[in-house]
Amino acid sequence: MKAIHWTLTDTLKWSGIGILIFAIFIGTLQIVSDESGLPYRYWNRYIAMLERKLRSMFIFTPGKLIAVGQLAAMFVLVAANLTFDIPFWYAGILIIAVGPAVWIEKMRRERITLIEDQLDNFILALANALKTTPSIGSAFNSVVLVVEDPIRSEIDLAIKEMKVGSSLDQALLSMAARVGSRQLDSALSSILIGRQVGGNLPKVLETTAHTLREMKRLEGVIRTKTADGRMQMWVIAVMPLFFLVALNNIWPGYFNPLTQSITGYVLIIFVTSCWVGSLLVARKVLQVDI
C-alpha cells in the first residue's frame, strides 16, 4: 500500500483554500445582510416564505437558520469539489438550493390532505354537538376533544383566538387562510352562511359532510384514471437523468464537449428548460379539478 506523505506545503495549501471558502461564505452573508441591496430583499422574502409555511404547520423553526444552513452546505460542497473533484457537483448545488422549500411544501400538502380526510368527521361531530347545545362556540369546545391532529390543532387555535377577543367569523376565516384548502373553505363557509342565514344548521352541516365525502370519492376515481399518466410523467422526469449517468459511466467524458464551450452550455440550458417545461405541462394536464 502506497504511503501518503503530508507535507507542510500541502497543509498551507488546503488551509488557504479552507480560509478562502470561509471568507467567501462570510462575504456572501454580509451581502445578503445589506439592507440597501437587492439580495437582501430576496433573502428576506425567501426566509419569510419558509417561516410562513412552517408556521402554518405549527413548526417554529427560524427560516433564517434553514437559509444559512443551505448557504453553508453549498460552500462545503464547493470546497469538497475543489478537493476531490466531485462529478455533477452543480446538481448537488441545485438540490441544496431548492430541496428545503420543496420538502416543506410537500409536508404542507400532506398536512392539507390529512385535514381534508378529517373534514367530514369534523363536520358531522359539530352537527351532533349542535343538536345538544345551541352555542356554536360550545360545540367547537366539545368537538376539539374528539377529533385528532392535525385538524385538532387548527380548531384549538381558533378557540384560543375567540377567547382573546376574535369573533367566530374572524377565527374561522383565519383558519381557512392559514390552511389553504378549498374543501376546508367550503366546510367553513357552510358554517358561517348557515349561522348568518339561520335555519336548521345541524342539517346543513350533515349535508355538507355528505357532499365532502362524495367529493373525496370522486377525487379517488380521478386519481385511479390518471395513474397511468402520472407514471408516464415520472418516466419523463427520471429517464434523462438515467441516460446521463449511464452514458457517462459507459463512455467517460462523453458529455465533456458540452462543458467546454459556450455553445455546450447554451444547449444544456435549452434542453433542461424543455425537460422542466414538459414536466410542468404534464403536471398541469393531470391536475383535474372537480
Protein backbone atom coordinates (compact mmCIF):
# COMPACT_ATOMS: atom_id res chain seq x y z
CA MET A 1 0.00 0.00 0.00
CA LYS A 2 1.39 3.35 -1.03
CA ALA A 3 2.08 5.69 1.87
CA ILE A 4 0.60 9.18 1.80
CA HIS A 5 3.11 11.90 2.67
CA TRP A 6 1.54 15.09 4.03
CA THR A 7 3.94 17.99 3.74
CA LEU A 8 3.90 21.49 5.16
CA THR A 9 3.17 22.80 1.64
CA ASP A 10 0.03 20.65 1.46
CA THR A 11 -1.07 21.88 4.86
CA LEU A 12 -0.64 25.51 3.87
CA LYS A 13 -2.36 24.90 0.54
CA TRP A 14 -5.50 23.32 1.98
CA SER A 15 -5.59 25.71 4.90
CA GLY A 16 -5.55 28.57 2.42
CA ILE A 17 -8.39 27.01 0.42
CA GLY A 18 -10.41 26.50 3.60
CA ILE A 19 -9.86 30.09 4.72
CA LEU A 20 -10.80 31.36 1.25
CA ILE A 21 -14.04 29.34 1.19
CA PHE A 22 -14.90 30.56 4.70
CA ALA A 23 -14.16 34.17 3.72
CA ILE A 24 -16.39 33.90 0.65
CA PHE A 25 -19.14 32.42 2.85
CA ILE A 26 -18.88 35.30 5.34
CA GLY A 27 -18.80 37.79 2.47
CA THR A 28 -21.96 36.28 1.00
CA LEU A 29 -23.70 36.62 4.36
CA GLN A 30 -22.64 40.26 4.52
CA ILE A 31 -24.03 40.89 1.03
CA VAL A 32 -27.42 39.41 1.83
CA SER A 33 -27.44 41.36 5.12
CA ASP A 34 -27.04 44.71 3.38
CA GLU A 35 -30.49 46.29 3.71
CA SER A 36 -29.92 48.60 0.73
CA GLY A 37 -29.13 45.79 -1.72
CA LEU A 38 -31.35 43.64 -3.91
CA PRO A 39 -30.01 40.33 -2.47
CA TYR A 40 -31.24 41.41 0.97
CA ARG A 41 -34.81 41.79 -0.28
CA TYR A 42 -34.82 38.38 -1.98
CA TRP A 43 -33.12 36.83 1.05
CA ASN A 44 -35.78 38.20 3.41
CA ARG A 45 -38.56 37.22 1.02
CA TYR A 46 -37.25 33.65 0.93
CA ILE A 47 -36.94 33.49 4.73
CA ALA A 48 -40.46 34.90 5.13
CA MET A 49 -41.82 32.29 2.71
CA LEU A 50 -40.18 29.46 4.67
CA GLU A 51 -41.42 30.74 8.01
CA ARG A 52 -44.95 31.32 6.69
CA LYS A 53 -45.24 27.72 5.51
CA LEU A 54 -43.64 26.32 8.65
CA ARG A 55 -45.86 28.33 11.00
CA SER A 56 -48.96 27.22 9.12
CA MET A 57 -47.95 23.70 10.24
CA PHE A 58 -47.16 24.88 13.81
CA ILE A 59 -43.43 24.41 13.22
CA PHE A 60 -41.49 27.35 14.61
CA THR A 61 -38.00 26.69 13.24
CA PRO A 62 -36.47 30.04 12.14
CA GLY A 63 -36.38 30.40 8.37
CA LYS A 64 -33.02 32.17 8.61
CA LEU A 65 -31.50 29.05 10.21
CA ILE A 66 -32.57 26.95 7.22
CA ALA A 67 -31.35 29.54 4.69
CA VAL A 68 -27.94 29.91 6.36
CA GLY A 69 -27.67 26.12 6.52
CA GLN A 70 -28.29 25.96 2.77
CA LEU A 71 -25.54 28.51 2.11
CA ALA A 72 -23.13 26.61 4.36
CA ALA A 73 -23.95 23.30 2.63
CA MET A 74 -23.34 24.89 -0.79
CA PHE A 75 -19.94 26.18 0.24
CA VAL A 76 -19.00 22.83 1.79
CA LEU A 77 -19.93 21.11 -1.48
CA VAL A 78 -17.88 23.61 -3.50
CA ALA A 79 -14.91 23.08 -1.17
CA ALA A 80 -15.31 19.29 -1.46
CA ASN A 81 -15.39 19.58 -5.26
CA LEU A 82 -12.15 21.58 -5.24
CA THR A 83 -10.57 18.87 -3.08
CA PHE A 84 -11.98 15.63 -4.52
CA ASP A 85 -13.31 16.69 -7.97
CA ILE A 86 -16.91 15.53 -7.39
CA PRO A 87 -18.79 14.73 -10.65
CA PHE A 88 -22.00 16.67 -11.28
CA TRP A 89 -21.44 18.79 -8.19
CA TYR A 90 -23.62 21.52 -9.68
CA ALA A 91 -26.58 19.12 -9.43
CA GLY A 92 -25.91 19.00 -5.69
CA ILE A 93 -25.95 22.80 -5.58
CA LEU A 94 -29.37 22.77 -7.27
CA ILE A 95 -30.71 20.16 -4.84
CA ILE A 96 -29.47 22.16 -1.84
CA ALA A 97 -30.98 25.36 -3.26
CA VAL A 98 -34.49 24.02 -3.88
CA GLY A 99 -34.59 20.96 -1.62
CA PRO A 100 -35.75 22.54 1.66
CA ALA A 101 -38.50 24.61 0.01
CA VAL A 102 -39.74 21.58 -1.94
CA TRP A 103 -39.68 19.39 1.19
CA ILE A 104 -41.56 21.97 3.27
CA GLU A 105 -44.16 22.34 0.52
CA LYS A 106 -44.52 18.55 0.42
CA MET A 107 -45.08 18.50 4.19
CA ARG A 108 -47.66 21.26 3.88
CA ARG A 109 -49.58 19.43 1.13
CA GLU A 110 -49.55 16.20 3.09
CA ARG A 111 -50.94 18.05 6.10
CA ILE A 112 -53.69 19.59 3.96
CA THR A 113 -54.57 16.12 2.68
CA LEU A 114 -54.84 14.82 6.25
CA ILE A 115 -57.07 17.74 7.22
CA GLU A 116 -59.31 17.17 4.20
CA ASP A 117 -59.60 13.48 5.11
CA GLN A 118 -60.82 14.51 8.59
CA LEU A 119 -63.26 17.17 7.42
CA ASP A 120 -66.40 15.06 7.04
CA ASN A 121 -65.95 13.55 10.52
CA PHE A 122 -65.33 17.02 11.97
CA ILE A 123 -68.45 18.47 10.33
CA LEU A 124 -70.58 15.51 11.50
CA ALA A 125 -69.22 15.82 15.04
CA LEU A 126 -70.01 19.56 15.00
CA ALA A 127 -73.55 18.86 13.74
CA ASN A 128 -74.13 16.33 16.51
CA ALA A 129 -72.73 18.76 19.10
CA LEU A 130 -75.12 21.49 17.88
CA LYS A 131 -78.05 19.15 18.48
CA THR A 132 -77.26 19.23 22.20
CA THR A 133 -76.11 22.84 22.60
CA PRO A 134 -77.32 25.99 20.79
CA SER A 135 -73.95 27.72 21.13
CA ILE A 136 -71.58 27.06 18.25
CA GLY A 137 -68.66 28.14 20.44
CA SER A 138 -69.56 25.44 22.99
CA ALA A 139 -69.94 22.97 20.12
CA PHE A 140 -66.38 23.74 18.98
CA ASN A 141 -65.12 23.21 22.54
CA SER A 142 -66.71 19.75 22.64
CA VAL A 143 -65.59 18.78 19.12
CA VAL A 144 -61.92 19.55 19.79
CA LEU A 145 -61.90 16.71 22.34
CA VAL A 146 -62.98 14.04 19.82
CA VAL A 147 -61.01 14.92 16.68
CA GLU A 148 -57.34 14.15 16.02
CA ASP A 149 -54.39 16.14 14.75
CA PRO A 150 -53.79 17.99 12.51
CA ILE A 151 -57.32 19.41 12.45
CA ARG A 152 -57.40 19.45 16.26
CA SER A 153 -54.52 21.96 16.30
CA GLU A 154 -56.41 24.25 13.90
CA ILE A 155 -59.66 24.09 15.91
CA ASP A 156 -57.79 24.61 19.17
CA LEU A 157 -56.08 27.73 17.77
CA ALA A 158 -59.45 29.06 16.54
CA ILE A 159 -60.92 28.56 20.03
CA LYS A 160 -57.96 30.39 21.59
CA GLU A 161 -58.43 33.28 19.14
CA MET A 162 -62.09 33.54 20.17
CA LYS A 163 -61.10 33.56 23.83
CA VAL A 164 -58.80 36.56 23.31
CA GLY A 165 -61.44 38.64 21.53
CA SER A 166 -61.81 37.45 17.93
CA SER A 167 -65.29 36.72 16.65
CA LEU A 168 -66.25 33.28 15.36
CA ASP A 169 -66.25 34.59 11.79
CA GLN A 170 -62.74 36.03 12.16
CA ALA A 171 -61.38 32.84 13.76
CA LEU A 172 -62.80 30.60 11.02
CA LEU A 173 -61.65 32.89 8.21
CA SER A 174 -58.17 32.93 9.78
CA MET A 175 -58.19 29.13 9.88
CA ALA A 176 -59.18 28.94 6.22
CA ALA A 177 -56.43 31.37 5.18
CA ARG A 178 -53.84 29.53 7.30
CA VAL A 179 -54.56 26.05 5.90
CA GLY A 180 -55.24 26.98 2.27
CA SER A 181 -57.60 24.11 1.42
CA ARG A 182 -60.54 24.52 -0.94
CA GLN A 183 -62.50 21.80 0.83
CA LEU A 184 -61.92 23.40 4.23
CA ASP A 185 -63.03 26.75 2.78
CA SER A 186 -66.28 25.12 1.63
CA ALA A 187 -66.88 23.48 5.00
CA LEU A 188 -66.24 26.66 6.99
CA SER A 189 -68.33 28.71 4.54
CA SER A 190 -71.27 26.39 5.19
CA ILE A 191 -70.88 27.03 8.93
CA LEU A 192 -70.70 30.81 8.53
CA ILE A 193 -73.52 31.06 5.98
CA GLY A 194 -75.77 28.67 7.91
CA ARG A 195 -75.15 30.65 11.09
CA GLN A 196 -75.93 34.00 9.44
CA VAL A 197 -78.97 32.84 7.45
CA GLY A 198 -80.44 30.75 10.24
CA GLY A 199 -82.47 27.56 9.92
CA ASN A 200 -81.50 24.01 10.78
CA LEU A 201 -77.72 24.34 10.99
CA PRO A 202 -77.08 20.69 12.04
CA LYS A 203 -78.95 19.51 8.93
CA VAL A 204 -76.94 21.88 6.74
CA LEU A 205 -73.71 20.53 8.22
CA GLU A 206 -74.80 16.93 7.68
CA THR A 207 -75.48 17.72 4.03
CA THR A 208 -72.08 19.41 3.78
CA ALA A 209 -70.37 16.35 5.27
CA HIS A 210 -72.12 14.11 2.72
CA THR A 211 -71.01 16.43 -0.11
CA LEU A 212 -67.39 16.40 1.12
CA ARG A 213 -67.46 12.61 1.29
CA GLU A 214 -68.75 12.42 -2.28
CA MET A 215 -66.05 14.84 -3.47
CA LYS A 216 -63.42 12.64 -1.83
CA ARG A 217 -64.82 9.60 -3.64
CA LEU A 218 -64.72 11.40 -6.99
CA GLU A 219 -61.13 12.51 -6.38
CA GLY A 220 -60.22 8.88 -5.73
CA VAL A 221 -61.78 7.93 -9.09
CA ILE A 222 -59.82 10.67 -10.84
CA ARG A 223 -56.55 9.53 -9.22
CA THR A 224 -57.23 6.00 -10.47
CA LYS A 225 -57.99 7.18 -14.02
CA THR A 226 -54.87 9.36 -14.19
CA ALA A 227 -52.48 6.83 -12.61
CA ASP A 228 -51.01 5.83 -16.00
CA GLY A 229 -50.42 9.47 -16.89
CA ARG A 230 -48.64 10.12 -13.61
CA MET A 231 -46.42 7.09 -14.17
CA GLN A 232 -45.50 8.41 -17.63
CA MET A 233 -44.69 11.78 -16.08
CA TRP A 234 -42.27 10.13 -13.65
CA VAL A 235 -40.65 8.26 -16.53
CA ILE A 236 -40.19 11.58 -18.34
CA ALA A 237 -38.65 13.01 -15.17
CA VAL A 238 -36.23 10.16 -14.41
CA MET A 239 -35.22 8.87 -17.86
CA PRO A 240 -32.92 11.79 -18.86
CA LEU A 241 -31.05 11.52 -15.57
CA PHE A 242 -30.72 7.75 -16.04
CA PHE A 243 -29.26 8.15 -19.53
CA LEU A 244 -26.97 10.94 -18.31
CA VAL A 245 -25.42 8.75 -15.60
CA ALA A 246 -25.39 5.57 -17.72
CA LEU A 247 -23.69 7.12 -20.76
CA ASN A 248 -21.14 8.92 -18.61
CA ASN A 249 -20.23 5.63 -16.90
CA ILE A 250 -20.06 3.66 -20.17
CA TRP A 251 -18.08 6.32 -22.03
CA PRO A 252 -16.28 8.55 -19.51
CA GLY A 253 -16.04 12.09 -20.81
CA TYR A 254 -18.91 11.60 -23.27
CA PHE A 255 -20.51 14.88 -22.18
CA ASN A 256 -17.29 16.86 -21.84
CA PRO A 257 -17.86 18.86 -25.08
CA LEU A 258 -20.98 20.32 -23.52
CA THR A 259 -18.98 21.79 -20.65
CA GLN A 260 -16.07 23.12 -22.69
CA SER A 261 -17.77 25.78 -24.81
CA ILE A 262 -20.46 28.43 -24.62
CA THR A 263 -22.49 26.54 -27.25
CA GLY A 264 -22.49 23.48 -25.00
CA TYR A 265 -23.78 25.46 -22.03
CA VAL A 266 -26.49 27.02 -24.22
CA LEU A 267 -27.57 23.52 -25.29
CA ILE A 268 -27.62 22.36 -21.66
CA ILE A 269 -29.83 25.30 -20.67
CA PHE A 270 -32.14 24.77 -23.65
CA VAL A 271 -32.55 21.02 -23.10
CA THR A 272 -33.04 21.44 -19.36
CA SER A 273 -35.68 24.12 -19.97
CA CYS A 274 -37.54 21.82 -22.36
CA TRP A 275 -37.35 18.96 -19.84
CA VAL A 276 -38.67 21.08 -16.97
CA GLY A 277 -41.33 22.61 -19.23
CA SER A 278 -42.58 19.15 -20.27
CA LEU A 279 -42.89 18.15 -16.61
CA LEU A 280 -44.84 21.31 -15.78
CA VAL A 281 -47.19 20.80 -18.74
CA ALA A 282 -47.75 17.14 -17.84
CA ARG A 283 -48.44 18.07 -14.22
CA LYS A 284 -50.92 20.73 -15.30
CA VAL A 285 -52.75 18.29 -17.59
CA LEU A 286 -53.04 15.69 -14.81
CA GLN A 287 -54.46 18.20 -12.31
CA VAL A 288 -58.20 17.71 -12.85
CA ASP A 289 -60.45 19.98 -10.76
CA ILE A 290 -63.77 18.69 -9.53
